[in-house]
Amino acid sequence: MLDSPPTFIVGCGHSGTWLLLAILGMHSRIYAIPMETEVFFKTKKAEVETLIKQFDQQALSVDKNRWVEKTPSHINRIGNILHFCPDAKIILMVRDGRDVAHSMASRYSPGRFDMNVSMCAKRWVDDNRNGQKYWDHPNVKVVKYEDIIIDFEKTITSVLDFMGEKYESEMKDFHTVERRWCSPKIEKPETCFGKDYPQYRNWQINQPLFDGRGRWKKMSYRDMCIVTDITGGMLFQLGYA
């Protein structure tokens, strides 16, 4: 039987959720579920309970004491998480919305999908507005992607304190363990579009920590103005402006 409650990583996509999952998965007591389960989008209680039991068994099978799951869109299901798992720890990842919009829009090849920066910026605002309702909940901790970059050990120690765990120095070497979470291949593909995207994400997961701050400055002036206009209020509330 597991001795600690589950942890769920949520947040708007492209906010560092994969990164945090890989880091926490290096802890000697924590099992990282290597997929987005979308468990709290299930409509039947029995389905949710069955999956939770499966996650417990997976952790036990590898001699771990607890598990962590990440589905970014669960930021819109925090109430469901707390209903089914009232003792769960929820880590809400946030990142500068301008960087998120730039990263998200860059994922799609021209003509493949009409995902412009305006849509991406609106998604960031909507997701974080839903998460904002729980910022002060005792079972929820807001973690900034940028803080992991600025001071890795301090930030991850704070996350682990919230979870009731101790920091382990090996966690900073998360990139040394090969992970095939999104694809069986770990090499960088030729593109990050279409069928290559899962492999591209998997390649990213296997890279050392890199500084992805301020990439929004590469946007055109027009896109920069659009994104800033849409995200401005939430950027201010999160301390980005």
Protein backbone atom coordinates (compact mmCIF):
# COMPACT_ATOMS: atom_id res chain seq x y z
CA MET A 1 0.00 0.00 0.00
CA LEU A 2 1.27 3.46 -0.89
CA ASP A 3 2.15 5.70 2.04
CA SER A 4 1.66 9.09 0.34
CA PRO A 5 -1.13 10.74 -1.68
CA PRO A 6 -0.92 11.19 -5.45
CA THR A 7 0.38 14.34 -7.08
CA PHE A 8 -1.10 15.86 -10.23
CA ILE A 9 0.75 18.31 -12.47
CA VAL A 10 -1.60 20.62 -14.36
CA GLY A 11 -1.26 23.81 -16.39
CA CYS A 12 -1.73 25.27 -19.83
CA GLY A 13 0.22 23.28 -22.41
CA HIS A 14 3.81 24.38 -23.13
CA SER A 15 4.24 25.60 -19.55
CA GLY A 16 6.85 23.05 -18.44
CA THR A 17 4.64 20.20 -17.25
CA TRP A 18 6.72 17.53 -19.02
CA LEU A 19 9.86 19.04 -17.52
CA LEU A 20 8.54 18.88 -13.97
CA LEU A 21 7.30 15.31 -14.48
CA ALA A 22 10.76 14.20 -15.62
CA ILE A 23 12.40 15.92 -12.66
CA LEU A 24 10.04 14.44 -10.05
CA GLY A 25 10.36 11.04 -11.70
CA MET A 26 14.03 11.00 -10.67
CA HIS A 27 13.10 10.92 -6.97
CA SER A 28 13.69 7.59 -5.26
CA ARG A 29 10.15 7.49 -3.85
CA ILE A 30 8.16 8.83 -6.79
CA TYR A 31 6.84 7.00 -9.85
CA ALA A 32 6.14 9.24 -12.85
CA ILE A 33 3.25 8.01 -14.99
CA PRO A 34 4.69 8.27 -18.53
CA MET A 35 1.56 9.48 -20.31
CA GLU A 36 -1.26 11.98 -20.14
CA THR A 37 -4.10 9.90 -18.73
CA GLU A 38 -6.93 12.46 -18.90
CA VAL A 39 -8.44 10.45 -16.06
CA PHE A 40 -10.54 13.32 -14.74
CA PHE A 41 -12.30 13.75 -18.04
CA LYS A 42 -13.95 10.37 -17.43
CA THR A 43 -17.66 10.64 -16.76
CA LYS A 44 -18.16 7.58 -14.58
CA LYS A 45 -16.93 7.32 -10.99
CA ALA A 46 -16.05 3.64 -11.46
CA GLU A 47 -13.77 4.49 -14.40
CA VAL A 48 -11.84 7.04 -12.36
CA GLU A 49 -11.51 4.74 -9.35
CA THR A 50 -10.30 1.87 -11.54
CA LEU A 51 -7.59 4.01 -13.12
CA ILE A 52 -6.45 5.37 -9.75
CA LYS A 53 -6.05 1.79 -8.51
CA GLN A 54 -4.05 0.95 -11.64
CA PHE A 55 -1.71 3.86 -10.97
CA ASP A 56 -1.25 2.64 -7.39
CA GLN A 57 -0.32 -0.81 -8.65
CA GLN A 58 2.10 0.59 -11.22
CA ALA A 59 3.93 2.52 -8.50
CA LEU A 60 4.06 -0.50 -6.20
CA SER A 61 5.35 -2.72 -9.02
CA VAL A 62 8.50 -0.58 -9.27
CA ASP A 63 8.89 -0.22 -5.48
CA LYS A 64 7.82 3.42 -5.32
CA ASN A 65 5.88 4.98 -2.46
CA ARG A 66 3.76 7.39 -4.47
CA TRP A 67 3.05 8.51 -8.01
CA VAL A 68 2.77 11.72 -10.01
CA GLU A 69 0.60 12.20 -13.10
CA LYS A 70 0.54 15.07 -15.55
CA THR A 71 -2.28 16.03 -17.85
CA PRO A 72 -2.03 19.76 -18.60
CA SER A 73 -5.74 20.13 -19.40
CA HIS A 74 -6.59 18.89 -15.91
CA ILE A 75 -6.18 22.56 -15.02
CA ASN A 76 -9.83 22.66 -16.04
CA ARG A 77 -10.69 19.72 -13.78
CA ILE A 78 -9.07 20.66 -10.46
CA GLY A 79 -12.45 20.42 -8.74
CA ASN A 80 -12.83 16.85 -9.99
CA ILE A 81 -9.35 15.94 -8.76
CA LEU A 82 -10.12 17.23 -5.27
CA HIS A 83 -13.48 15.45 -5.29
CA PHE A 84 -12.06 12.03 -6.11
CA CYS A 85 -8.70 12.49 -4.35
CA PRO A 86 -9.28 14.98 -1.51
CA ASP A 87 -5.76 14.50 -0.13
CA ALA A 88 -4.05 14.90 -3.52
CA LYS A 89 -1.31 17.43 -4.09
CA ILE A 90 -1.80 19.55 -7.21
CA ILE A 91 1.07 21.44 -8.83
CA LEU A 92 -0.15 24.17 -11.14
CA MET A 93 2.57 25.08 -13.62
CA VAL A 94 2.54 28.57 -15.08
CA ARG A 95 4.74 30.26 -17.66
CA ASP A 96 4.84 33.66 -19.32
CA GLY A 97 1.81 33.62 -21.61
CA ARG A 98 3.73 35.30 -24.40
CA ASP A 99 6.25 32.45 -24.46
CA VAL A 100 3.45 29.89 -24.29
CA ALA A 101 1.60 31.45 -27.22
CA HIS A 102 4.80 31.60 -29.28
CA SER A 103 5.71 27.99 -28.47
CA MET A 104 2.21 26.67 -29.08
CA ALA A 105 1.76 28.47 -32.40
CA SER A 106 5.19 27.31 -33.60
CA ARG A 107 4.14 23.68 -33.22
CA TYR A 108 1.86 23.75 -36.23
CA SER A 109 3.09 23.73 -39.80
CA PRO A 110 1.60 26.28 -42.22
CA GLY A 111 -1.68 25.04 -43.61
CA ARG A 112 -1.88 22.06 -41.26
CA PHE A 113 -3.99 23.68 -38.60
CA ASP A 114 -5.19 27.22 -38.12
CA MET A 115 -3.61 27.71 -34.69
CA ASN A 116 -2.58 31.34 -34.67
CA VAL A 117 -1.06 33.23 -31.76
CA SER A 118 -4.41 34.81 -30.94
CA MET A 119 -6.00 31.41 -30.31
CA CYS A 120 -2.98 30.29 -28.31
CA ALA A 121 -3.00 33.41 -26.16
CA LYS A 122 -6.72 33.03 -25.45
CA ARG A 123 -6.21 29.41 -24.44
CA TRP A 124 -3.48 30.46 -22.00
CA VAL A 125 -5.75 33.07 -20.43
CA ASP A 126 -8.73 30.71 -20.21
CA ASP A 127 -6.73 27.86 -18.70
CA ASN A 128 -5.04 30.05 -16.12
CA ARG A 129 -8.30 31.78 -15.25
CA ASN A 130 -9.75 28.36 -14.43
CA GLY A 131 -6.70 27.52 -12.37
CA GLN A 132 -6.78 30.88 -10.61
CA LYS A 133 -9.84 29.79 -8.64
CA TYR A 134 -7.61 27.36 -6.73
CA TRP A 135 -4.46 29.44 -6.23
CA ASP A 136 -5.14 29.73 -2.50
CA HIS A 137 -6.29 26.14 -1.95
CA PRO A 138 -4.03 24.36 0.58
CA ASN A 139 -3.67 21.36 -1.73
CA VAL A 140 -2.55 23.46 -4.70
CA LYS A 141 0.88 24.96 -5.32
CA VAL A 142 1.58 27.38 -8.16
CA VAL A 143 5.04 26.87 -9.67
CA LYS A 144 6.58 29.09 -12.33
CA TYR A 145 8.58 27.52 -15.14
CA GLU A 146 10.92 30.49 -14.93
CA ASP A 147 11.73 29.78 -11.27
CA ILE A 148 12.96 26.29 -12.20
CA ILE A 149 15.33 27.92 -14.69
CA ILE A 150 16.50 30.65 -12.31
CA ASP A 151 17.07 28.49 -9.22
CA PHE A 152 16.53 24.79 -9.85
CA GLU A 153 17.35 23.44 -6.39
CA LYS A 154 15.41 26.06 -4.45
CA THR A 155 12.30 25.66 -6.61
CA ILE A 156 12.29 21.86 -6.68
CA THR A 157 12.97 21.75 -2.93
CA SER A 158 9.90 23.95 -2.44
CA VAL A 159 7.82 21.58 -4.59
CA LEU A 160 9.03 18.58 -2.62
CA ASP A 161 8.37 20.33 0.70
CA PHE A 162 4.79 20.82 -0.48
CA MET A 163 4.62 17.09 -1.25
CA GLY A 164 6.24 16.12 2.04
CA GLU A 165 9.42 14.81 0.42
CA LYS A 166 13.13 15.63 0.63
CA TYR A 167 15.21 17.00 -2.21
CA GLU A 168 17.65 14.54 -3.79
CA SER A 169 20.68 15.87 -5.65
CA GLU A 170 20.26 13.30 -8.44
CA MET A 171 17.12 15.10 -9.57
CA LYS A 172 19.12 17.74 -11.41
CA ASP A 173 20.45 14.95 -13.64
CA PHE A 174 16.98 14.08 -14.92
CA HIS A 175 18.16 14.27 -18.53
CA THR A 176 20.61 11.37 -18.06
CA VAL A 177 17.82 8.79 -17.98
CA GLU A 178 16.46 7.86 -21.40
CA ARG A 179 12.70 8.28 -21.60
CA ARG A 180 10.44 7.03 -24.34
CA TRP A 181 7.25 8.59 -23.06
CA CYS A 182 5.99 10.10 -26.32
CA SER A 183 7.85 8.01 -28.88
CA PRO A 184 10.11 4.95 -29.05
CA LYS A 185 12.76 7.21 -30.62
CA ILE A 186 14.83 9.73 -28.68
CA GLU A 187 16.66 11.31 -31.63
CA LYS A 188 15.62 14.75 -32.84
CA PRO A 189 13.40 14.43 -35.94
CA GLU A 190 13.74 16.60 -39.03
CA THR A 191 10.68 18.68 -38.11
CA CYS A 192 8.39 19.25 -35.15
CA PHE A 193 5.25 19.04 -37.26
CA GLY A 194 2.62 16.39 -37.89
CA LYS A 195 3.77 12.80 -37.46
CA ASP A 196 7.17 14.01 -36.24
CA TYR A 197 5.72 15.92 -33.32
CA PRO A 198 5.57 13.03 -30.77
CA GLN A 199 9.22 12.20 -31.49
CA TYR A 200 10.12 15.88 -31.21
CA ARG A 201 8.45 16.11 -27.81
CA ASN A 202 10.22 12.95 -26.72
CA TRP A 203 13.54 14.42 -27.83
CA GLN A 204 12.79 17.54 -25.78
CA ILE A 205 12.05 15.47 -22.67
CA ASN A 206 15.51 13.90 -22.92
CA GLN A 207 17.39 17.21 -23.11
CA PRO A 208 19.21 18.95 -20.25
CA LEU A 209 17.53 21.94 -18.66
CA PHE A 210 17.54 24.85 -21.10
CA ASP A 211 16.42 28.42 -20.77
CA GLY A 212 13.23 28.96 -22.77
CA ARG A 213 12.49 32.40 -21.38
CA GLY A 214 11.88 35.40 -23.62
CA ARG A 215 11.40 33.50 -26.86
CA TRP A 216 8.25 35.52 -27.49
CA LYS A 217 10.56 38.36 -28.55
CA LYS A 218 11.11 36.44 -31.80
CA MET A 219 7.49 37.05 -32.79
CA SER A 220 6.60 39.65 -35.36
CA TYR A 221 5.67 43.05 -33.97
CA ARG A 222 2.07 42.45 -35.03
CA ASP A 223 1.83 39.10 -33.24
CA MET A 224 3.58 40.54 -30.20
CA CYS A 225 0.96 43.28 -29.93
CA ILE A 226 -1.91 40.81 -30.37
CA VAL A 227 -0.59 38.45 -27.70
CA THR A 228 0.22 41.20 -25.22
CA ASP A 229 -3.23 42.72 -25.65
CA ILE A 230 -4.93 39.37 -24.94
CA THR A 231 -2.71 38.19 -22.10
CA GLY A 232 -1.98 41.53 -20.42
CA GLY A 233 -4.33 41.22 -17.44
CA MET A 234 -3.29 37.69 -16.53
CA LEU A 235 0.38 38.50 -17.14
CA PHE A 236 0.07 41.24 -14.53
CA GLN A 237 -1.69 38.98 -12.02
CA LEU A 238 1.04 36.36 -12.41
CA GLY A 239 3.82 38.92 -12.10
CA TYR A 240 5.01 38.85 -15.70
CA ALA A 241 4.16 42.48 -16.43
